[in-house]
C-alpha atoms as a PDB file:
ATOM      1  CA  MET A   1     -80.341 -46.877 -93.552  1.00  0.00           C
ATOM      2  CA  SER A   2     -76.749 -46.420 -92.849  1.00  0.00           C
ATOM      3  CA  GLN A   3     -75.330 -45.610 -89.398  1.00  0.00           C
ATOM      4  CA  PHE A   4     -72.490 -43.121 -88.844  1.00  0.00           C
ATOM      5  CA  THR A   5     -69.801 -44.226 -86.534  1.00  0.00           C
ATOM      6  CA  GLN A   6     -67.291 -41.728 -85.125  1.00  0.00           C
ATOM      7  CA  PRO A   7     -63.903 -43.183 -84.702  1.00  0.00           C
ATOM      8  CA  PRO A   8     -62.837 -43.312 -81.062  1.00  0.00           C
ATOM      9  CA  GLN A   9     -60.204 -40.696 -80.075  1.00  0.00           C
ATOM     10  CA  SER A  10     -57.053 -41.469 -78.334  1.00  0.00           C
ATOM     11  CA  PRO A  11     -56.903 -40.389 -74.671  1.00  0.00           C
ATOM     12  CA  GLN A  12     -54.795 -37.275 -73.907  1.00  0.00           C
ATOM     13  CA  PRO A  13     -51.521 -37.960 -72.149  1.00  0.00           C
ATOM     14  CA  GLN A  14     -51.618 -37.111 -68.364  1.00  0.00           C
ATOM     15  CA  GLN A  15     -49.235 -34.305 -67.351  1.00  0.00           C
ATOM     16  CA  PRO A  16     -47.325 -34.785 -64.184  1.00  0.00           C
ATOM     17  CA  TYR A  17     -48.351 -32.507 -61.195  1.00  0.00           C
ATOM     18  CA  THR A  18     -46.002 -29.746 -60.566  1.00  0.00           C
ATOM     19  CA  PRO A  19     -46.699 -27.827 -57.368  1.00  0.00           C
ATOM     20  CA  ALA A  20     -46.981 -24.038 -57.904  1.00  0.00           C
ATOM     21  CA  HIS A  21     -43.956 -21.950 -56.617  1.00  0.00           C
ATOM     22  CA  THR A  22     -44.565 -20.084 -53.264  1.00  0.00           C
ATOM     23  CA  PRO A  23     -42.685 -16.708 -53.414  1.00  0.00           C
ATOM     24  CA  GLY A  24     -40.731 -15.718 -50.155  1.00  0.00           C
ATOM     25  CA  LEU A  25     -40.205 -19.052 -48.776  1.00  0.00           C
ATOM     26  CA  ARG A  26     -36.636 -19.422 -47.390  1.00  0.00           C
ATOM     27  CA  PRO A  27     -34.790 -21.627 -44.850  1.00  0.00           C
ATOM     28  CA  ALA A  28     -34.760 -20.168 -41.237  1.00  0.00           C
ATOM     29  CA  ARG A  29     -31.730 -17.898 -40.422  1.00  0.00           C
ATOM     30  CA  ASN A  30     -31.080 -19.084 -36.770  1.00  0.00           C
ATOM     31  CA  GLY A  31     -27.230 -18.763 -36.757  1.00  0.00           C
ATOM     32  CA  LEU A  32     -27.125 -15.478 -34.762  1.00  0.00           C
ATOM     33  CA  GLY A  33     -29.298 -16.731 -31.981  1.00  0.00           C
ATOM     34  CA  VAL A  34     -27.371 -19.775 -31.541  1.00  0.00           C
ATOM     35  CA  SER A  35     -24.001 -17.955 -31.519  1.00  0.00           C
ATOM     36  CA  ALA A  36     -25.322 -15.524 -29.030  1.00  0.00           C
ATOM     37  CA  LEU A  37     -26.404 -18.361 -26.694  1.00  0.00           C
ATOM     38  CA  ILE A  38     -22.981 -20.151 -27.069  1.00  0.00           C
ATOM     39  CA  LEU A  39     -20.851 -16.851 -26.554  1.00  0.00           C
ATOM     40  CA  GLY A  40     -23.189 -15.855 -23.773  1.00  0.00           C
ATOM     41  CA  ILE A  41     -22.641 -19.125 -21.838  1.00  0.00           C
ATOM     42  CA  ILE A  42     -18.865 -18.918 -22.206  1.00  0.00           C
ATOM     43  CA  GLY A  43     -18.792 -15.316 -21.282  1.00  0.00           C
ATOM     44  CA  ALA A  44     -21.037 -15.906 -18.141  1.00  0.00           C
ATOM     45  CA  VAL A  45     -18.807 -18.691 -17.018  1.00  0.00           C
ATOM     46  CA  SER A  46     -15.610 -16.705 -17.682  1.00  0.00           C
ATOM     47  CA  GLY A  47     -16.999 -14.030 -15.626  1.00  0.00           C
ATOM     48  CA  LEU A  48     -17.099 -16.035 -12.439  1.00  0.00           C
ATOM     49  CA  ILE A  49     -13.473 -15.904 -12.485  1.00  0.00           C
ATOM     50  CA  PRO A  50     -12.419 -12.448 -11.644  1.00  0.00           C
ATOM     51  CA  PHE A  51      -9.010 -12.661 -13.601  1.00  0.00           C
ATOM     52  CA  PHE A  52     -10.879 -13.329 -16.860  1.00  0.00           C
ATOM     53  CA  PHE A  53     -12.995 -10.254 -16.570  1.00  0.00           C
ATOM     54  CA  TRP A  54     -11.493  -9.097 -20.005  1.00  0.00           C
ATOM     55  CA  LEU A  55     -12.618 -12.303 -21.776  1.00  0.00           C
ATOM     56  CA  ALA A  56     -16.196 -12.055 -20.194  1.00  0.00           C
ATOM     57  CA  GLY A  57     -16.431  -8.521 -21.207  1.00  0.00           C
ATOM     58  CA  ILE A  58     -15.535  -9.199 -24.863  1.00  0.00           C
ATOM     59  CA  LEU A  59     -17.960 -12.221 -25.188  1.00  0.00           C
ATOM     60  CA  GLY A  60     -20.598 -10.468 -23.333  1.00  0.00           C
ATOM     61  CA  VAL A  61     -20.672  -7.535 -25.916  1.00  0.00           C
ATOM     62  CA  ILE A  62     -20.585  -9.820 -28.832  1.00  0.00           C
ATOM     63  CA  ALA A  63     -23.404 -12.219 -27.345  1.00  0.00           C
ATOM     64  CA  LEU A  64     -25.639  -9.176 -26.515  1.00  0.00           C
ATOM     65  CA  ILE A  65     -25.348  -7.768 -29.948  1.00  0.00           C
ATOM     66  CA  LEU A  66     -26.009 -11.105 -31.835  1.00  0.00           C
ATOM     67  CA  GLY A  67     -28.870 -11.775 -29.541  1.00  0.00           C
ATOM     68  CA  LEU A  68     -30.596  -8.420 -30.125  1.00  0.00           C
ATOM     69  CA  VAL A  69     -30.041  -8.854 -33.959  1.00  0.00           C
ATOM     70  CA  GLY A  70     -31.452 -12.468 -33.677  1.00  0.00           C
ATOM     71  CA  ARG A  71     -34.519 -11.373 -31.929  1.00  0.00           C
ATOM     72  CA  GLY A  72     -34.964  -8.812 -34.869  1.00  0.00           C
ATOM     73  CA  ARG A  73     -34.779 -11.560 -37.392  1.00  0.00           C
ATOM     74  CA  ALA A  74     -37.227 -13.655 -35.496  1.00  0.00           C
ATOM     75  CA  LYS A  75     -39.602 -10.774 -35.315  1.00  0.00           C
ATOM     76  CA  ARG A  76     -39.470 -10.265 -39.143  1.00  0.00           C
ATOM     77  CA  GLY A  77     -40.090 -14.070 -39.526  1.00  0.00           C
ATOM     78  CA  GLU A  78     -36.591 -14.677 -40.820  1.00  0.00           C
ATOM     79  CA  ALA A  79     -35.745 -16.853 -37.962  1.00  0.00           C
ATOM     80  CA  THR A  80     -37.556 -19.260 -35.607  1.00  0.00           C
ATOM     81  CA  ASN A  81     -35.401 -19.106 -32.438  1.00  0.00           C
ATOM     82  CA  LYS A  82     -36.553 -15.978 -30.806  1.00  0.00           C
ATOM     83  CA  GLY A  83     -36.174 -17.673 -27.312  1.00  0.00           C
ATOM     84  CA  THR A  84     -32.634 -18.897 -27.978  1.00  0.00           C
ATOM     85  CA  ALA A  85     -31.543 -15.288 -29.214  1.00  0.00           C
ATOM     86  CA  THR A  86     -33.279 -13.767 -26.134  1.00  0.00           C
ATOM     87  CA  PHE A  87     -31.419 -16.084 -23.767  1.00  0.00           C
ATOM     88  CA  GLY A  88     -28.276 -15.393 -25.500  1.00  0.00           C
ATOM     89  CA  ALA A  89     -28.563 -11.665 -25.112  1.00  0.00           C
ATOM     90  CA  VAL A  90     -29.410 -12.027 -21.433  1.00  0.00           C
ATOM     91  CA  LEU A  91     -26.398 -14.104 -20.881  1.00  0.00           C
ATOM     92  CA  GLY A  92     -24.403 -11.490 -22.739  1.00  0.00           C
ATOM     93  CA  LEU A  93     -25.642  -8.857 -20.347  1.00  0.00           C
ATOM     94  CA  VAL A  94     -24.800 -11.186 -17.284  1.00  0.00           C
ATOM     95  CA  ALA A  95     -21.321 -11.717 -18.589  1.00  0.00           C
ATOM     96  CA  LEU A  96     -20.829  -7.838 -18.919  1.00  0.00           C
ATOM     97  CA  ILE A  97     -21.826  -7.356 -15.259  1.00  0.00           C
ATOM     98  CA  LEU A  98     -19.545 -10.122 -14.197  1.00  0.00           C
ATOM     99  CA  SER A  99     -16.861  -8.553 -16.187  1.00  0.00           C
ATOM    100  CA  VAL A 100     -17.260  -5.317 -14.367  1.00  0.00           C
ATOM    101  CA  VAL A 101     -17.150  -6.952 -10.986  1.00  0.00           C
ATOM    102  CA  GLY A 102     -14.147  -9.061 -11.856  1.00  0.00           C
ATOM    103  CA  ALA A 103     -12.315  -6.043 -13.066  1.00  0.00           C
ATOM    104  CA  VAL A 104     -12.868  -4.274  -9.767  1.00  0.00           C
ATOM    105  CA  ILE A 105     -11.817  -7.318  -7.713  1.00  0.00           C
ATOM    106  CA  THR A 106      -8.748  -7.827  -9.830  1.00  0.00           C
ATOM    107  CA  PHE A 107      -7.500  -4.194  -9.656  1.00  0.00           C
ATOM    108  CA  LYS A 108      -8.175  -4.086  -6.042  1.00  0.00           C
ATOM    109  CA  ALA A 109      -6.216  -7.110  -5.503  1.00  0.00           C
ATOM    110  CA  VAL A 110      -3.436  -5.864  -7.549  1.00  0.00           C
ATOM    111  CA  ASP A 111      -3.490  -2.465  -5.790  1.00  0.00           C
ATOM    112  CA  ASP A 112      -3.243  -4.329  -2.444  1.00  0.00           C
ATOM    113  CA  ALA A 113      -0.341  -6.297  -3.548  1.00  0.00           C
ATOM    114  CA  VAL A 114       1.538  -3.190  -4.747  1.00  0.00           C
ATOM    115  CA  ASN A 115       0.990  -1.518  -1.453  1.00  0.00           C
ATOM    116  CA  ASP A 116       2.050  -4.636   0.566  1.00  0.00           C
ATOM    117  CA  LEU A 117       5.152  -4.875  -1.550  1.00  0.00           C
ATOM    118  CA  SER A 118       5.970  -1.117  -1.232  1.00  0.00           C
ATOM    119  CA  LYS A 119       5.525  -1.419   2.554  1.00  0.00           C
ATOM    120  CA  ALA A 120       7.883  -4.431   2.793  1.00  0.00           C
ATOM    121  CA  VAL A 121      10.416  -2.592   0.726  1.00  0.00           C
ATOM    122  CA  ALA A 122      10.101   0.422   3.011  1.00  0.00           C
ATOM    123  CA  ASP A 123      10.442  -1.716   6.103  1.00  0.00           C
ATOM    124  CA  THR A 124      13.500  -3.336   4.609  1.00  0.00           C
ATOM    125  CA  THR A 125      15.160   0.018   3.785  1.00  0.00           C
ATOM    126  CA  ALA A 126      14.039   1.926   6.775  1.00  0.00           C
ATOM    127  CA  SER A 127      16.953   3.973   7.811  1.00  0.00           C
ATOM    128  CA  ALA A 128      16.178   5.500  11.078  1.00  0.00           C
ATOM    129  CA  LYS A 129      16.001   2.899  13.670  1.00  0.00           C
ATOM    130  CA  PRO A 130      19.201   1.269  14.805  1.00  0.00           C
ATOM    131  CA  GLU A 131      18.950  -1.577  17.393  1.00  0.00           C
ATOM    132  CA  ALA A 132      20.325  -1.608  20.802  1.00  0.00           C
ATOM    133  CA  GLY A 133      24.098  -1.087  20.663  1.00  0.00           C
ATOM    134  CA  ASP A 134      23.997   0.134  17.065  1.00  0.00           C
ATOM    135  CA  ALA A 135      25.579   3.342  17.895  1.00  0.00           C
ATOM    136  CA  GLY A 136      29.095   4.062  18.588  1.00  0.00           C
ATOM    137  CA  SER A 137      31.879   6.658  18.435  1.00  0.00           C
ATOM    138  CA  THR A 138      32.505   8.216  14.963  1.00  0.00           C
ATOM    139  CA  ALA A 139      35.874   6.689  14.769  1.00  0.00           C
ATOM    140  CA  ASP A 140      34.362   3.211  15.247  1.00  0.00           C
ATOM    141  CA  LYS A 141      31.579   3.695  12.591  1.00  0.00           C
ATOM    142  CA  GLY A 142      31.408   0.384  10.425  1.00  0.00           C
ATOM    143  CA  LYS A 143      32.783  -1.917  13.118  1.00  0.00           C
ATOM    144  CA  ASP A 144      30.952  -4.352  15.157  1.00  0.00           C
ATOM    145  CA  LYS A 145      29.097  -2.233  17.777  1.00  0.00           C
ATOM    146  CA  ASP A 146      26.276  -4.703  18.917  1.00  0.00           C
ATOM    147  CA  THR A 147      27.742  -4.684  22.426  1.00  0.00           C
ATOM    148  CA  GLY A 148      24.504  -3.619  24.281  1.00  0.00           C
ATOM    149  CA  LYS A 149      26.650  -1.206  26.445  1.00  0.00           C
ATOM    150  CA  ALA A 150      26.176   2.417  27.150  1.00  0.00           C
ATOM    151  CA  LEU A 151      28.411   4.869  25.298  1.00  0.00           C
ATOM    152  CA  GLU A 152      30.893   7.111  27.059  1.00  0.00           C
ATOM    153  CA  ALA A 153      31.247  10.907  27.272  1.00  0.00           C
ATOM    154  CA  GLY A 154      32.415  12.245  23.827  1.00  0.00           C
ATOM    155  CA  ASP A 155      31.054   9.257  21.935  1.00  0.00           C
ATOM    156  CA  SER A 156      28.556   9.649  19.028  1.00  0.00           C
ATOM    157  CA  ALA A 157      25.460   7.630  18.116  1.00  0.00           C
ATOM    158  CA  VAL A 158      25.488   7.482  14.341  1.00  0.00           C
ATOM    159  CA  TYR A 159      22.110   6.412  12.813  1.00  0.00           C
ATOM    160  CA  ASP A 160      21.552   4.758   9.418  1.00  0.00           C
ATOM    161  CA  ASP A 161      20.204   8.064   7.953  1.00  0.00           C
ATOM    162  CA  ASP A 162      23.534   9.790   8.930  1.00  0.00           C
ATOM    163  CA  LEU A 163      22.047  11.553  12.047  1.00  0.00           C
ATOM    164  CA  THR A 164      24.638  11.909  14.660  1.00  0.00           C
ATOM    165  CA  VAL A 165      24.079  12.502  18.372  1.00  0.00           C
ATOM    166  CA  THR A 166      26.976  13.378  20.705  1.00  0.00           C
ATOM    167  CA  VAL A 167      26.836  13.792  24.407  1.00  0.00           C
ATOM    168  CA  GLY A 168      29.687  15.575  26.183  1.00  0.00           C
ATOM    169  CA  ASP A 169      31.176  15.253  29.741  1.00  0.00           C
ATOM    170  CA  ALA A 170      29.013  15.970  32.874  1.00  0.00           C
ATOM    171  CA  THR A 171      30.394  19.126  34.502  1.00  0.00           C
ATOM    172  CA  SER A 172      29.443  20.666  37.871  1.00  0.00           C
ATOM    173  CA  TYR A 173      26.738  23.433  37.435  1.00  0.00           C
ATOM    174  CA  THR A 174      25.416  25.973  39.831  1.00  0.00           C
ATOM    175  CA  PRO A 175      21.801  26.710  39.166  1.00  0.00           C
ATOM    176  CA  ASP A 176      20.525  30.421  39.662  1.00  0.00           C
ATOM    177  CA  SER A 177      18.247  31.419  42.392  1.00  0.00           C
ATOM    178  CA  PHE A 178      15.131  31.047  40.333  1.00  0.00           C
ATOM    179  CA  ALA A 179      15.923  27.726  38.958  1.00  0.00           C
ATOM    180  CA  SER A 180      13.320  24.787  39.132  1.00  0.00           C
ATOM    181  CA  GLY A 181      14.049  21.171  39.396  1.00  0.00           C
ATOM    182  CA  HIS A 182      17.050  21.487  41.745  1.00  0.00           C
ATOM    183  CA  THR A 183      16.784  19.923  45.323  1.00  0.00           C
ATOM    184  CA  LYS A 184      18.922  21.475  48.189  1.00  0.00           C
ATOM    185  CA  GLY A 185      21.598  18.999  49.163  1.00  0.00           C
ATOM    186  CA  ASN A 186      21.942  17.642  45.719  1.00  0.00           C
ATOM    187  CA  ARG A 187      24.508  18.404  43.052  1.00  0.00           C
ATOM    188  CA  ALA A 188      23.730  19.791  39.546  1.00  0.00           C
ATOM    189  CA  TYR A 189      25.557  18.730  36.481  1.00  0.00           C
ATOM    190  CA  ARG A 190      25.475  20.306  32.947  1.00  0.00           C
ATOM    191  CA  ILE A 191      25.944  18.310  29.860  1.00  0.00           C
ATOM    192  CA  ALA A 192      25.879  19.452  26.166  1.00  0.00           C
ATOM    193  CA  VAL A 193      24.069  17.320  23.559  1.00  0.00           C
ATOM    194  CA  VAL A 194      24.923  17.835  20.009  1.00  0.00           C
ATOM    195  CA  VAL A 195      22.767  16.820  17.000  1.00  0.00           C
ATOM    196  CA  GLU A 196      24.451  16.809  13.485  1.00  0.00           C
ATOM    197  CA  ASN A 197      22.399  16.118  10.499  1.00  0.00           C
ATOM    198  CA  ALA A 198      24.744  14.653   7.808  1.00  0.00           C
ATOM    199  CA  GLY A 199      21.807  13.226   5.738  1.00  0.00           C
ATOM    200  CA  LYS A 200      19.853  14.636   2.760  1.00  0.00           C
ATOM    201  CA  GLU A 201      16.707  15.337   4.526  1.00  0.00           C
ATOM    202  CA  LYS A 202      15.943  18.048   7.110  1.00  0.00           C
ATOM    203  CA  PHE A 203      15.630  16.838  10.818  1.00  0.00           C
ATOM    204  CA  ASP A 204      12.836  17.713  13.179  1.00  0.00           C
ATOM    205  CA  ALA A 205      14.912  18.598  16.390  1.00  0.00           C
ATOM    206  CA  ALA A 206      11.751  19.383  18.342  1.00  0.00           C
ATOM    207  CA  LEU A 207      11.004  15.682  18.661  1.00  0.00           C
ATOM    208  CA  VAL A 208      14.390  14.970  20.433  1.00  0.00           C
ATOM    209  CA  ASN A 209      13.873  13.916  24.105  1.00  0.00           C
ATOM    210  CA  VAL A 210      16.659  13.838  26.592  1.00  0.00           C
ATOM    211  CA  GLU A 211      16.414  12.091  30.058  1.00  0.00           C
ATOM    212  CA  ALA A 212      18.748  11.052  32.864  1.00  0.00           C
ATOM    213  CA  ARG A 213      19.142   8.677  35.872  1.00  0.00           C
ATOM    214  CA  ALA A 214      21.789   9.046  38.477  1.00  0.00           C
ATOM    215  CA  GLY A 215      23.670   6.614  40.599  1.00  0.00           C
ATOM    216  CA  LYS A 216      23.919   2.816  40.711  1.00  0.00           C
ATOM    217  CA  ASP A 217      20.281   2.505  41.654  1.00  0.00           C
ATOM    218  CA  GLY A 218      19.189   4.559  38.492  1.00  0.00           C
ATOM    219  CA  VAL A 219      17.325   7.232  40.371  1.00  0.00           C
ATOM    220  CA  ASN A 220      15.458   9.638  38.198  1.00  0.00           C
ATOM    221  CA  ALA A 221      17.533  12.840  37.857  1.00  0.00           C
ATOM    222  CA  GLU A 222      15.153  15.877  37.611  1.00  0.00           C
ATOM    223  CA  GLN A 223      15.928  18.279  34.676  1.00  0.00           C
ATOM    224  CA  ILE A 224      16.918  21.745  35.833  1.00  0.00           C
ATOM    225  CA  PHE A 225      15.448  24.778  34.221  1.00  0.00           C
ATOM    226  CA  ASP A 226      16.884  28.394  34.628  1.00  0.00           C
ATOM    227  CA  GLY A 227      17.740  31.171  32.424  1.00  0.00           C
ATOM    228  CA  LYS A 228      20.767  29.230  30.968  1.00  0.00           C
ATOM    229  CA  VAL A 229      19.599  25.591  30.506  1.00  0.00           C
ATOM    230  CA  GLY A 230      16.436  23.676  30.039  1.00  0.00           C
ATOM    231  CA  GLU A 231      15.158  25.124  26.649  1.00  0.00           C
ATOM    232  CA  GLY A 232      15.704  21.960  24.797  1.00  0.00           C
ATOM    233  CA  PHE A 233      15.595  21.376  21.142  1.00  0.00           C
ATOM    234  CA  SER A 234      13.325  23.173  18.707  1.00  0.00           C
ATOM    235  CA  GLY A 235      12.824  23.817  14.971  1.00  0.00           C
ATOM    236  CA  THR A 236      14.537  21.783  12.281  1.00  0.00           C
ATOM    237  CA  VAL A 237      18.105  20.860  11.443  1.00  0.00           C
ATOM    238  CA  LEU A 238      19.026  21.303   7.748  1.00  0.00           C
ATOM    239  CA  PRO A 239      21.356  18.882   5.989  1.00  0.00           C
ATOM    240  CA  GLY A 240      24.877  19.551   6.692  1.00  0.00           C
ATOM    241  CA  LYS A 241      24.111  21.390   9.936  1.00  0.00           C
ATOM    242  CA  LYS A 242      24.133  20.867  13.656  1.00  0.00           C
ATOM    243  CA  VAL A 243      22.727  22.204  16.986  1.00  0.00           C
ATOM    244  CA  THR A 244      23.983  22.280  20.365  1.00  0.00           C
ATOM    245  CA  VAL A 245      21.764  22.318  23.596  1.00  0.00           C
ATOM    246  CA  GLN A 246      22.863  22.604  27.094  1.00  0.00           C
ATOM    247  CA  PHE A 247      20.980  20.375  29.692  1.00  0.00           C
ATOM    248  CA  ALA A 248      21.392  20.248  33.615  1.00  0.00           C
ATOM    249  CA  PHE A 249      20.237  17.548  35.823  1.00  0.00           C
ATOM    250  CA  ASP A 250      19.892  17.209  39.524  1.00  0.00           C
ATOM    251  CA  ALA A 251      21.672  14.129  41.071  1.00  0.00           C
ATOM    252  CA  PRO A 252      22.234  12.951  44.731  1.00  0.00           C
ATOM    253  CA  ALA A 253      25.447  14.079  46.326  1.00  0.00           C
ATOM    254  CA  ASP A 254      26.875  10.579  46.512  1.00  0.00           C
ATOM    255  CA  ALA A 255      26.039   9.610  42.861  1.00  0.00           C
ATOM    256  CA  GLU A 256      29.158   8.422  40.910  1.00  0.00           C
ATOM    257  CA  ASN A 257      27.631   8.317  37.451  1.00  0.00           C
ATOM    258  CA  LEU A 258      24.795   9.856  35.418  1.00  0.00           C
ATOM    259  CA  THR A 259      23.094   7.898  32.739  1.00  0.00           C
ATOM    260  CA  VAL A 260      21.922  10.071  29.894  1.00  0.00           C
ATOM    261  CA  GLU A 261      19.415   8.841  27.369  1.00  0.00           C
ATOM    262  CA  VAL A 262      18.646  10.642  24.018  1.00  0.00           C
ATOM    263  CA  ASN A 263      15.783   9.610  21.862  1.00  0.00           C
ATOM    264  CA  PRO A 264      15.851  11.490  18.492  1.00  0.00           C
ATOM    265  CA  GLY A 265      12.228  10.932  17.641  1.00  0.00           C
ATOM    266  CA  PHE A 266       9.457   8.343  17.132  1.00  0.00           C
ATOM    267  CA  THR A 267      11.286   6.319  14.454  1.00  0.00           C
ATOM    268  CA  TYR A 268      14.606   6.246  16.228  1.00  0.00           C
ATOM    269  CA  ALA A 269      15.965   3.962  18.893  1.00  0.00           C
ATOM    270  CA  ALA A 270      17.176   5.561  22.161  1.00  0.00           C
ATOM    271  CA  THR A 271      20.711   5.575  23.015  1.00  0.00           C
ATOM    272  CA  GLN A 272      22.430   5.833  26.350  1.00  0.00           C
ATOM    273  CA  TRP A 273      25.547   7.496  27.637  1.00  0.00           C
ATOM    274  CA  ASP A 274      27.217   6.613  30.939  1.00  0.00           C
ATOM    275  CA  LEU A 275      28.942   9.766  32.339  1.00  0.00           C
ATOM    276  CA  LYS A 276      31.380   9.668  35.273  1.00  0.00           C
ATOM    277  CA  LEU A 277      30.701  12.266  37.885  1.00  0.00           C
END
């Protein structure tokens, strides 16, 4: 009896293992979140300095946009740094707020500086307040008048805005029977005060104040009011025009001089005239 023997088969070669490809698997896209964080930090730090409000505003807007887009990617599974993107967006919003605050502070500081500069220039160029002795006769205008002495009758006080005040001689005056301010036994004197506006702006003559003192002791000389004198200045004086007002003052009989003081207004310095009686 014969026995059948099958020849041995050669083993199949072993194939190397190849992992199956997983569709949709990509690297995480975390760049926007990181960028938002970096720009947000720089913007927030810049916002702490008011002058750099413009830089904080620009970086804040960019960081906020990138942070929100980065959060969207994280929600879709395209990125893994949702927290970083969120923090970057928050810092961008902080930078925007600091930018607004810095802009307000900067513009306020600039406005204050401009106002202070304008005030300083106005004070420097103020034209209506001469110092004591800064008024003299018209013929002496431009010369050194800082003597500190009173002017004489007929002299003019010329101010920097070309306002001219002139006081004339003191002449004897007889008040009428209804006059006020005159004391029996005293003598009355009348003077003419002329205000001429040679400047370019109209002048408020209602602000002119005229007072007088009599004698060496400087006794107050009462102003006399009657039908002819005592009305005072009123209205305005246009450029190129002048106005003359008569005043009368009561002085002791033995007074030898009358000191008349004229103050054209709040922004002017008063000037005095020493009139011989």
